[in-house]
Amino acid sequence: MKKLIALAGLIVLPLSLAFAQAPAAKKTGIEGAGYKWNAQEGEKIEALKKKGDVKRGEEAYEVCGACHLPSGAGRPDGTFPQLAGQHSTVLIKQMADIREGLRDNPTMYPFAKTLTDPQELADVAVYINSLCIPLDHGKYDGKDAAEQVAKGKELYMKECKECHGVDGDGNKEKFYPVIAGQHYKYLLRQMTEIRDGKRRNANPDMVKIIKKYSNEQLVAISAFQSSMSMPGAMCKPAAKGKKK
């Protein structure tokens, strides 16, 4: 009920006014000494210990659906990632990092702050996990797509697969995200930001690996990753003649 009341308020107030608040105080990330990417502490760990409730999560997710869509499909143009199919541990970590000022995301921060406590983080994550995985997502669509995918596969299999897996399914226990089937433009933007030191909550091990890659190589790797199928329960194809 509290989410419905909050959403009703958003209809009356301009969005910018409704979410006008100071950004999270920045915490030391990869640039600071003693930074622990996978620290077993804080809101993240509290949320992981909670048992999420799908019904409560659906209600809490309503505000998230404005950008990530009710289906969790995100946007093919890469502005917002696909959430459906992602590990719950990764979802919780990223939400907690944004809330705590470890990851800079001014667009998402006001929305993430509407989640009141670790329990709601767990609820939202378990609800997202209940969503089927959309059949379509943003892929590299250049004329040289086949060439880029082949080149990206070669680069990916050399180093990326060690953490993200041969199939791009990541590792739930280690907080390594599913990258198979994510939107191409989102993948490219995130890898570029990690390489350039702009993702302050990045895994230092990944930063070391990705630093040597050129823009062209990141394009190829992203093209390959987005060409893979995200593991999990896929959505059913729409019935012929049925309007979407």
C-alpha atoms as a PDB file:
ATOM      1  CA  MET A   1       0.000   0.000   0.000  1.00  0.00           C
ATOM      2  CA  LYS A   2       2.795   2.430   0.837  1.00  0.00           C
ATOM      3  CA  LYS A   3       4.175   2.092  -2.709  1.00  0.00           C
ATOM      4  CA  LEU A   4       0.781   2.843  -4.242  1.00  0.00           C
ATOM      5  CA  ILE A   5       0.510   5.986  -2.120  1.00  0.00           C
ATOM      6  CA  ALA A   6       4.014   7.029  -3.152  1.00  0.00           C
ATOM      7  CA  LEU A   7       3.215   6.465  -6.813  1.00  0.00           C
ATOM      8  CA  ALA A   8       0.006   8.473  -6.539  1.00  0.00           C
ATOM      9  CA  GLY A   9       2.090  11.344  -5.242  1.00  0.00           C
ATOM     10  CA  LEU A  10       4.330  11.173  -8.276  1.00  0.00           C
ATOM     11  CA  ILE A  11       1.364  11.772 -10.537  1.00  0.00           C
ATOM     12  CA  VAL A  12       0.688  15.089  -8.821  1.00  0.00           C
ATOM     13  CA  LEU A  13       4.253  16.297  -8.398  1.00  0.00           C
ATOM     14  CA  PRO A  14       6.741  16.846 -11.225  1.00  0.00           C
ATOM     15  CA  LEU A  15       9.197  13.960 -11.312  1.00  0.00           C
ATOM     16  CA  SER A  16      12.194  16.177 -10.704  1.00  0.00           C
ATOM     17  CA  LEU A  17      10.543  17.706  -7.636  1.00  0.00           C
ATOM     18  CA  ALA A  18       9.284  14.420  -6.283  1.00  0.00           C
ATOM     19  CA  PHE A  19      12.771  12.938  -6.327  1.00  0.00           C
ATOM     20  CA  ALA A  20      14.702  16.105  -5.502  1.00  0.00           C
ATOM     21  CA  GLN A  21      17.255  15.057  -2.933  1.00  0.00           C
ATOM     22  CA  ALA A  22      20.981  15.113  -2.329  1.00  0.00           C
ATOM     23  CA  PRO A  23      22.914  12.306  -4.031  1.00  0.00           C
ATOM     24  CA  ALA A  24      24.561   9.625  -1.959  1.00  0.00           C
ATOM     25  CA  ALA A  25      27.767  10.643  -0.236  1.00  0.00           C
ATOM     26  CA  LYS A  26      30.523   9.017  -2.246  1.00  0.00           C
ATOM     27  CA  LYS A  27      32.332   6.177  -0.555  1.00  0.00           C
ATOM     28  CA  THR A  28      35.847   5.198  -1.533  1.00  0.00           C
ATOM     29  CA  GLY A  29      35.811   2.754  -4.417  1.00  0.00           C
ATOM     30  CA  ILE A  30      38.470   1.264  -6.671  1.00  0.00           C
ATOM     31  CA  GLU A  31      40.557   4.430  -6.447  1.00  0.00           C
ATOM     32  CA  GLY A  32      41.036   4.115  -2.686  1.00  0.00           C
ATOM     33  CA  ALA A  33      43.387   2.005  -0.591  1.00  0.00           C
ATOM     34  CA  GLY A  34      41.739  -0.865   1.216  1.00  0.00           C
ATOM     35  CA  TYR A  35      38.754  -1.044  -1.142  1.00  0.00           C
ATOM     36  CA  LYS A  36      37.140  -4.471  -0.973  1.00  0.00           C
ATOM     37  CA  TRP A  37      34.931  -5.169  -3.953  1.00  0.00           C
ATOM     38  CA  ASN A  38      33.239  -8.128  -2.319  1.00  0.00           C
ATOM     39  CA  ALA A  39      33.199  -6.996   1.325  1.00  0.00           C
ATOM     40  CA  GLN A  40      30.980  -9.262   3.405  1.00  0.00           C
ATOM     41  CA  GLU A  41      29.328  -6.437   5.298  1.00  0.00           C
ATOM     42  CA  GLY A  42      26.689  -3.728   5.160  1.00  0.00           C
ATOM     43  CA  GLU A  43      23.194  -3.617   3.717  1.00  0.00           C
ATOM     44  CA  LYS A  44      24.097  -6.024   0.925  1.00  0.00           C
ATOM     45  CA  ILE A  45      24.905  -8.859   3.309  1.00  0.00           C
ATOM     46  CA  GLU A  46      21.843  -8.126   5.450  1.00  0.00           C
ATOM     47  CA  ALA A  47      19.615  -8.329   2.362  1.00  0.00           C
ATOM     48  CA  LEU A  48      21.194 -11.595   1.225  1.00  0.00           C
ATOM     49  CA  LYS A  49      20.269 -13.176   4.553  1.00  0.00           C
ATOM     50  CA  LYS A  50      16.617 -12.232   4.126  1.00  0.00           C
ATOM     51  CA  LYS A  51      14.026 -14.410   2.427  1.00  0.00           C
ATOM     52  CA  GLY A  52      12.439 -12.297  -0.295  1.00  0.00           C
ATOM     53  CA  ASP A  53       8.685 -12.151  -0.791  1.00  0.00           C
ATOM     54  CA  VAL A  54       7.489 -12.066  -4.418  1.00  0.00           C
ATOM     55  CA  LYS A  55       4.227 -10.218  -3.726  1.00  0.00           C
ATOM     56  CA  ARG A  56       5.907  -7.505  -1.710  1.00  0.00           C
ATOM     57  CA  GLY A  57       8.656  -7.353  -4.310  1.00  0.00           C
ATOM     58  CA  GLU A  58       6.135  -6.815  -7.110  1.00  0.00           C
ATOM     59  CA  GLU A  59       4.702  -3.819  -5.263  1.00  0.00           C
ATOM     60  CA  ALA A  60       8.156  -2.367  -4.544  1.00  0.00           C
ATOM     61  CA  TYR A  61       9.264  -2.946  -8.151  1.00  0.00           C
ATOM     62  CA  GLU A  62       6.526  -0.697  -9.577  1.00  0.00           C
ATOM     63  CA  VAL A  63       8.727   2.371  -9.302  1.00  0.00           C
ATOM     64  CA  CYS A  64      11.617   0.467 -10.973  1.00  0.00           C
ATOM     65  CA  GLY A  65       9.415  -0.545 -13.905  1.00  0.00           C
ATOM     66  CA  ALA A  66       9.232   3.050 -15.137  1.00  0.00           C
ATOM     67  CA  CYS A  67      12.768   2.695 -16.512  1.00  0.00           C
ATOM     68  CA  HIS A  68      13.454  -1.043 -16.589  1.00  0.00           C
ATOM     69  CA  LEU A  69       9.878  -1.775 -17.805  1.00  0.00           C
ATOM     70  CA  PRO A  70       7.368  -3.974 -15.975  1.00  0.00           C
ATOM     71  CA  SER A  71       8.843  -6.975 -17.796  1.00  0.00           C
ATOM     72  CA  GLY A  72      12.359  -6.223 -16.549  1.00  0.00           C
ATOM     73  CA  ALA A  73      13.510  -6.024 -20.165  1.00  0.00           C
ATOM     74  CA  GLY A  74      15.260  -2.666 -19.857  1.00  0.00           C
ATOM     75  CA  ARG A  75      15.899  -0.616 -22.991  1.00  0.00           C
ATOM     76  CA  PRO A  76      17.570  -1.924 -26.168  1.00  0.00           C
ATOM     77  CA  ASP A  77      19.260   1.470 -26.607  1.00  0.00           C
ATOM     78  CA  GLY A  78      21.358   0.662 -23.545  1.00  0.00           C
ATOM     79  CA  THR A  79      20.058   3.410 -21.272  1.00  0.00           C
ATOM     80  CA  PHE A  80      18.737   0.838 -18.793  1.00  0.00           C
ATOM     81  CA  PRO A  81      19.884  -2.787 -18.461  1.00  0.00           C
ATOM     82  CA  GLN A  82      17.744  -5.867 -18.692  1.00  0.00           C
ATOM     83  CA  LEU A  83      17.139  -7.090 -15.145  1.00  0.00           C
ATOM     84  CA  ALA A  84      15.122 -10.236 -15.858  1.00  0.00           C
ATOM     85  CA  GLY A  85      17.458 -13.226 -15.774  1.00  0.00           C
ATOM     86  CA  GLN A  86      20.104 -11.575 -13.594  1.00  0.00           C
ATOM     87  CA  HIS A  87      21.383 -13.231 -10.400  1.00  0.00           C
ATOM     88  CA  SER A  88      19.607 -12.031  -7.247  1.00  0.00           C
ATOM     89  CA  THR A  89      22.986 -11.545  -5.561  1.00  0.00           C
ATOM     90  CA  VAL A  90      24.101  -9.194  -8.337  1.00  0.00           C
ATOM     91  CA  LEU A  91      20.838  -7.254  -8.226  1.00  0.00           C
ATOM     92  CA  ILE A  92      21.125  -6.793  -4.463  1.00  0.00           C
ATOM     93  CA  LYS A  93      24.804  -5.812  -4.605  1.00  0.00           C
ATOM     94  CA  GLN A  94      24.279  -3.184  -7.288  1.00  0.00           C
ATOM     95  CA  MET A  95      21.208  -1.690  -5.599  1.00  0.00           C
ATOM     96  CA  ALA A  96      23.041  -1.579  -2.267  1.00  0.00           C
ATOM     97  CA  ASP A  97      26.169  -0.057  -3.852  1.00  0.00           C
ATOM     98  CA  ILE A  98      24.125   2.714  -5.485  1.00  0.00           C
ATOM     99  CA  ARG A  99      22.263   3.399  -2.231  1.00  0.00           C
ATOM    100  CA  GLU A 100      25.508   3.517  -0.258  1.00  0.00           C
ATOM    101  CA  GLY A 101      27.398   5.749  -2.688  1.00  0.00           C
ATOM    102  CA  LEU A 102      29.781   3.097  -4.019  1.00  0.00           C
ATOM    103  CA  ARG A 103      28.394   3.233  -7.548  1.00  0.00           C
ATOM    104  CA  ASP A 104      27.546   6.534  -9.226  1.00  0.00           C
ATOM    105  CA  ASN A 105      24.123   6.430 -10.840  1.00  0.00           C
ATOM    106  CA  PRO A 106      22.305   9.778 -10.378  1.00  0.00           C
ATOM    107  CA  THR A 107      19.330   8.549 -12.427  1.00  0.00           C
ATOM    108  CA  MET A 108      18.692   5.438 -10.376  1.00  0.00           C
ATOM    109  CA  TYR A 109      19.706   6.732  -6.956  1.00  0.00           C
ATOM    110  CA  PRO A 110      16.408   8.531  -6.104  1.00  0.00           C
ATOM    111  CA  PHE A 111      14.438   5.422  -7.068  1.00  0.00           C
ATOM    112  CA  ALA A 112      16.766   3.045  -5.224  1.00  0.00           C
ATOM    113  CA  LYS A 113      16.334   5.166  -2.110  1.00  0.00           C
ATOM    114  CA  THR A 114      12.585   4.505  -2.117  1.00  0.00           C
ATOM    115  CA  LEU A 115      13.413   0.962  -0.990  1.00  0.00           C
ATOM    116  CA  THR A 116      13.312   1.272   2.756  1.00  0.00           C
ATOM    117  CA  ASP A 117      15.542  -1.512   4.079  1.00  0.00           C
ATOM    118  CA  PRO A 118      17.438  -4.760   3.324  1.00  0.00           C
ATOM    119  CA  GLN A 119      14.164  -6.697   3.344  1.00  0.00           C
ATOM    120  CA  GLU A 120      12.819  -4.645   0.427  1.00  0.00           C
ATOM    121  CA  LEU A 121      16.051  -5.196  -1.485  1.00  0.00           C
ATOM    122  CA  ALA A 122      15.545  -8.935  -1.032  1.00  0.00           C
ATOM    123  CA  ASP A 123      11.869  -8.653  -2.026  1.00  0.00           C
ATOM    124  CA  VAL A 124      12.610  -6.760  -5.251  1.00  0.00           C
ATOM    125  CA  ALA A 125      15.399  -9.166  -6.190  1.00  0.00           C
ATOM    126  CA  VAL A 126      13.242 -12.270  -5.719  1.00  0.00           C
ATOM    127  CA  TYR A 127      10.417 -10.665  -7.721  1.00  0.00           C
ATOM    128  CA  ILE A 128      12.768  -9.840 -10.610  1.00  0.00           C
ATOM    129  CA  ASN A 129      13.962 -13.439 -10.502  1.00  0.00           C
ATOM    130  CA  SER A 130      10.365 -14.577 -10.967  1.00  0.00           C
ATOM    131  CA  LEU A 131      10.102 -12.760 -14.315  1.00  0.00           C
ATOM    132  CA  CYS A 132      10.558 -14.649 -17.556  1.00  0.00           C
ATOM    133  CA  ILE A 133      13.453 -13.597 -19.781  1.00  0.00           C
ATOM    134  CA  PRO A 134      12.393 -11.499 -22.818  1.00  0.00           C
ATOM    135  CA  LEU A 135      13.075 -13.098 -26.177  1.00  0.00           C
ATOM    136  CA  ASP A 136      14.470  -9.953 -27.771  1.00  0.00           C
ATOM    137  CA  HIS A 137      17.180  -7.547 -26.648  1.00  0.00           C
ATOM    138  CA  GLY A 138      19.530  -4.984 -28.127  1.00  0.00           C
ATOM    139  CA  LYS A 139      22.300  -6.502 -30.255  1.00  0.00           C
ATOM    140  CA  TYR A 140      25.119  -5.162 -32.377  1.00  0.00           C
ATOM    141  CA  ASP A 141      23.489  -4.481 -35.741  1.00  0.00           C
ATOM    142  CA  GLY A 142      26.341  -3.245 -37.918  1.00  0.00           C
ATOM    143  CA  LYS A 143      26.938  -4.671 -41.376  1.00  0.00           C
ATOM    144  CA  ASP A 144      30.002  -6.452 -40.005  1.00  0.00           C
ATOM    145  CA  ALA A 145      28.041  -8.126 -37.188  1.00  0.00           C
ATOM    146  CA  ALA A 146      29.210 -11.662 -37.963  1.00  0.00           C
ATOM    147  CA  GLU A 147      32.837 -10.504 -38.057  1.00  0.00           C
ATOM    148  CA  GLN A 148      32.531  -8.558 -34.799  1.00  0.00           C
ATOM    149  CA  VAL A 149      30.845 -11.453 -32.995  1.00  0.00           C
ATOM    150  CA  ALA A 150      33.562 -13.874 -34.130  1.00  0.00           C
ATOM    151  CA  LYS A 151      36.302 -11.475 -33.079  1.00  0.00           C
ATOM    152  CA  GLY A 152      34.582 -10.843 -29.758  1.00  0.00           C
ATOM    153  CA  LYS A 153      34.189 -14.555 -29.066  1.00  0.00           C
ATOM    154  CA  GLU A 154      37.920 -15.100 -29.513  1.00  0.00           C
ATOM    155  CA  LEU A 155      38.739 -12.292 -27.062  1.00  0.00           C
ATOM    156  CA  TYR A 156      36.062 -13.381 -24.597  1.00  0.00           C
ATOM    157  CA  MET A 157      37.240 -16.983 -24.450  1.00  0.00           C
ATOM    158  CA  LYS A 158      40.795 -15.898 -23.657  1.00  0.00           C
ATOM    159  CA  GLU A 159      40.062 -14.117 -20.383  1.00  0.00           C
ATOM    160  CA  CYS A 160      36.403 -13.233 -19.733  1.00  0.00           C
ATOM    161  CA  LYS A 161      35.119 -16.796 -19.459  1.00  0.00           C
ATOM    162  CA  GLU A 162      37.137 -17.478 -16.314  1.00  0.00           C
ATOM    163  CA  CYS A 163      34.731 -15.351 -14.265  1.00  0.00           C
ATOM    164  CA  HIS A 164      31.656 -14.962 -16.441  1.00  0.00           C
ATOM    165  CA  GLY A 165      31.611 -18.540 -17.724  1.00  0.00           C
ATOM    166  CA  VAL A 166      31.744 -20.055 -21.198  1.00  0.00           C
ATOM    167  CA  ASP A 167      28.035 -19.335 -21.606  1.00  0.00           C
ATOM    168  CA  GLY A 168      28.139 -15.879 -20.013  1.00  0.00           C
ATOM    169  CA  ASP A 169      26.065 -17.007 -17.036  1.00  0.00           C
ATOM    170  CA  GLY A 170      28.328 -15.475 -14.393  1.00  0.00           C
ATOM    171  CA  ASN A 171      28.570 -16.798 -10.855  1.00  0.00           C
ATOM    172  CA  LYS A 172      25.810 -16.156  -8.344  1.00  0.00           C
ATOM    173  CA  GLU A 173      27.914 -16.877  -5.239  1.00  0.00           C
ATOM    174  CA  LYS A 174      30.765 -14.596  -6.337  1.00  0.00           C
ATOM    175  CA  PHE A 175      28.503 -11.747  -7.535  1.00  0.00           C
ATOM    176  CA  TYR A 176      29.686 -12.120 -11.150  1.00  0.00           C
ATOM    177  CA  PRO A 177      26.775 -10.971 -13.336  1.00  0.00           C
ATOM    178  CA  VAL A 178      25.061 -12.777 -16.161  1.00  0.00           C
ATOM    179  CA  ILE A 179      26.249 -10.933 -19.267  1.00  0.00           C
ATOM    180  CA  ALA A 180      24.874 -13.236 -21.968  1.00  0.00           C
ATOM    181  CA  GLY A 181      21.922 -11.609 -23.692  1.00  0.00           C
ATOM    182  CA  GLN A 182      22.347  -8.203 -22.078  1.00  0.00           C
ATOM    183  CA  HIS A 183      21.796  -5.163 -24.306  1.00  0.00           C
ATOM    184  CA  TYR A 184      24.827  -4.512 -26.509  1.00  0.00           C
ATOM    185  CA  LYS A 185      24.993  -0.768 -25.878  1.00  0.00           C
ATOM    186  CA  TYR A 186      24.681  -1.225 -22.137  1.00  0.00           C
ATOM    187  CA  LEU A 187      27.484  -3.807 -22.098  1.00  0.00           C
ATOM    188  CA  LEU A 188      29.723  -1.540 -24.152  1.00  0.00           C
ATOM    189  CA  ARG A 189      29.099   1.456 -21.917  1.00  0.00           C
ATOM    190  CA  GLN A 190      29.755  -0.443 -18.706  1.00  0.00           C
ATOM    191  CA  MET A 191      32.945  -2.091 -19.943  1.00  0.00           C
ATOM    192  CA  THR A 192      34.221   1.252 -21.194  1.00  0.00           C
ATOM    193  CA  GLU A 193      33.481   2.881 -17.836  1.00  0.00           C
ATOM    194  CA  ILE A 194      35.156   0.035 -15.953  1.00  0.00           C
ATOM    195  CA  ARG A 195      38.229   0.279 -18.171  1.00  0.00           C
ATOM    196  CA  ASP A 196      38.380   4.058 -17.750  1.00  0.00           C
ATOM    197  CA  GLY A 197      37.970   3.942 -13.950  1.00  0.00           C
ATOM    198  CA  LYS A 198      34.455   5.424 -13.902  1.00  0.00           C
ATOM    199  CA  ARG A 199      32.730   2.443 -12.258  1.00  0.00           C
ATOM    200  CA  ARG A 200      33.907   2.949  -8.701  1.00  0.00           C
ATOM    201  CA  ASN A 201      32.396  -0.322  -7.478  1.00  0.00           C
ATOM    202  CA  ALA A 202      34.099  -2.388 -10.187  1.00  0.00           C
ATOM    203  CA  ASN A 203      35.956  -5.600  -9.447  1.00  0.00           C
ATOM    204  CA  PRO A 204      39.684  -4.655  -9.346  1.00  0.00           C
ATOM    205  CA  ASP A 205      40.551  -7.972 -11.006  1.00  0.00           C
ATOM    206  CA  MET A 206      38.374  -7.066 -13.976  1.00  0.00           C
ATOM    207  CA  VAL A 207      39.854  -3.581 -14.147  1.00  0.00           C
ATOM    208  CA  LYS A 208      43.326  -5.087 -14.523  1.00  0.00           C
ATOM    209  CA  ILE A 209      42.186  -7.350 -17.352  1.00  0.00           C
ATOM    210  CA  ILE A 210      40.082  -4.840 -19.261  1.00  0.00           C
ATOM    211  CA  LYS A 211      42.541  -1.928 -19.119  1.00  0.00           C
ATOM    212  CA  LYS A 212      44.464  -3.164 -22.143  1.00  0.00           C
ATOM    213  CA  TYR A 213      41.464  -3.421 -24.468  1.00  0.00           C
ATOM    214  CA  SER A 214      40.896  -0.804 -27.170  1.00  0.00           C
ATOM    215  CA  ASN A 215      37.504   0.694 -28.018  1.00  0.00           C
ATOM    216  CA  GLU A 216      37.335  -1.541 -31.074  1.00  0.00           C
ATOM    217  CA  GLN A 217      37.985  -4.655 -28.998  1.00  0.00           C
ATOM    218  CA  LEU A 218      35.314  -3.699 -26.483  1.00  0.00           C
ATOM    219  CA  VAL A 219      32.843  -3.292 -29.342  1.00  0.00           C
ATOM    220  CA  ALA A 220      33.637  -6.825 -30.497  1.00  0.00           C
ATOM    221  CA  ILE A 221      33.391  -8.354 -27.015  1.00  0.00           C
ATOM    222  CA  SER A 222      30.075  -6.585 -26.378  1.00  0.00           C
ATOM    223  CA  ALA A 223      28.776  -7.769 -29.756  1.00  0.00           C
ATOM    224  CA  PHE A 224      29.576 -11.365 -28.826  1.00  0.00           C
ATOM    225  CA  GLN A 225      28.138 -11.152 -25.318  1.00  0.00           C
ATOM    226  CA  SER A 226      24.876  -9.693 -26.585  1.00  0.00           C
ATOM    227  CA  SER A 227      24.651 -12.425 -29.230  1.00  0.00           C
ATOM    228  CA  MET A 228      24.462 -15.143 -26.573  1.00  0.00           C
ATOM    229  CA  SER A 229      21.245 -16.353 -24.982  1.00  0.00           C
ATOM    230  CA  MET A 230      20.626 -15.447 -21.358  1.00  0.00           C
ATOM    231  CA  PRO A 231      20.181 -18.654 -19.330  1.00  0.00           C
ATOM    232  CA  GLY A 232      16.873 -19.213 -17.558  1.00  0.00           C
ATOM    233  CA  ALA A 233      13.152 -19.377 -18.232  1.00  0.00           C
ATOM    234  CA  MET A 234      12.406 -17.555 -21.471  1.00  0.00           C
ATOM    235  CA  CYS A 235       9.120 -15.773 -22.087  1.00  0.00           C
ATOM    236  CA  LYS A 236       6.640 -17.470 -24.373  1.00  0.00           C
ATOM    237  CA  PRO A 237       6.415 -16.099 -27.929  1.00  0.00           C
ATOM    238  CA  ALA A 238       3.448 -13.804 -28.483  1.00  0.00           C
ATOM    239  CA  ALA A 239       0.520 -15.511 -30.197  1.00  0.00           C
ATOM    240  CA  LYS A 240       0.247 -14.718 -33.906  1.00  0.00           C
ATOM    241  CA  GLY A 241      -1.993 -11.772 -34.566  1.00  0.00           C
ATOM    242  CA  LYS A 242      -2.023 -10.789 -30.926  1.00  0.00           C
ATOM    243  CA  LYS A 243      -1.181  -7.190 -30.222  1.00  0.00           C
ATOM    244  CA  LYS A 244       1.793  -6.618 -27.917  1.00  0.00           C
END
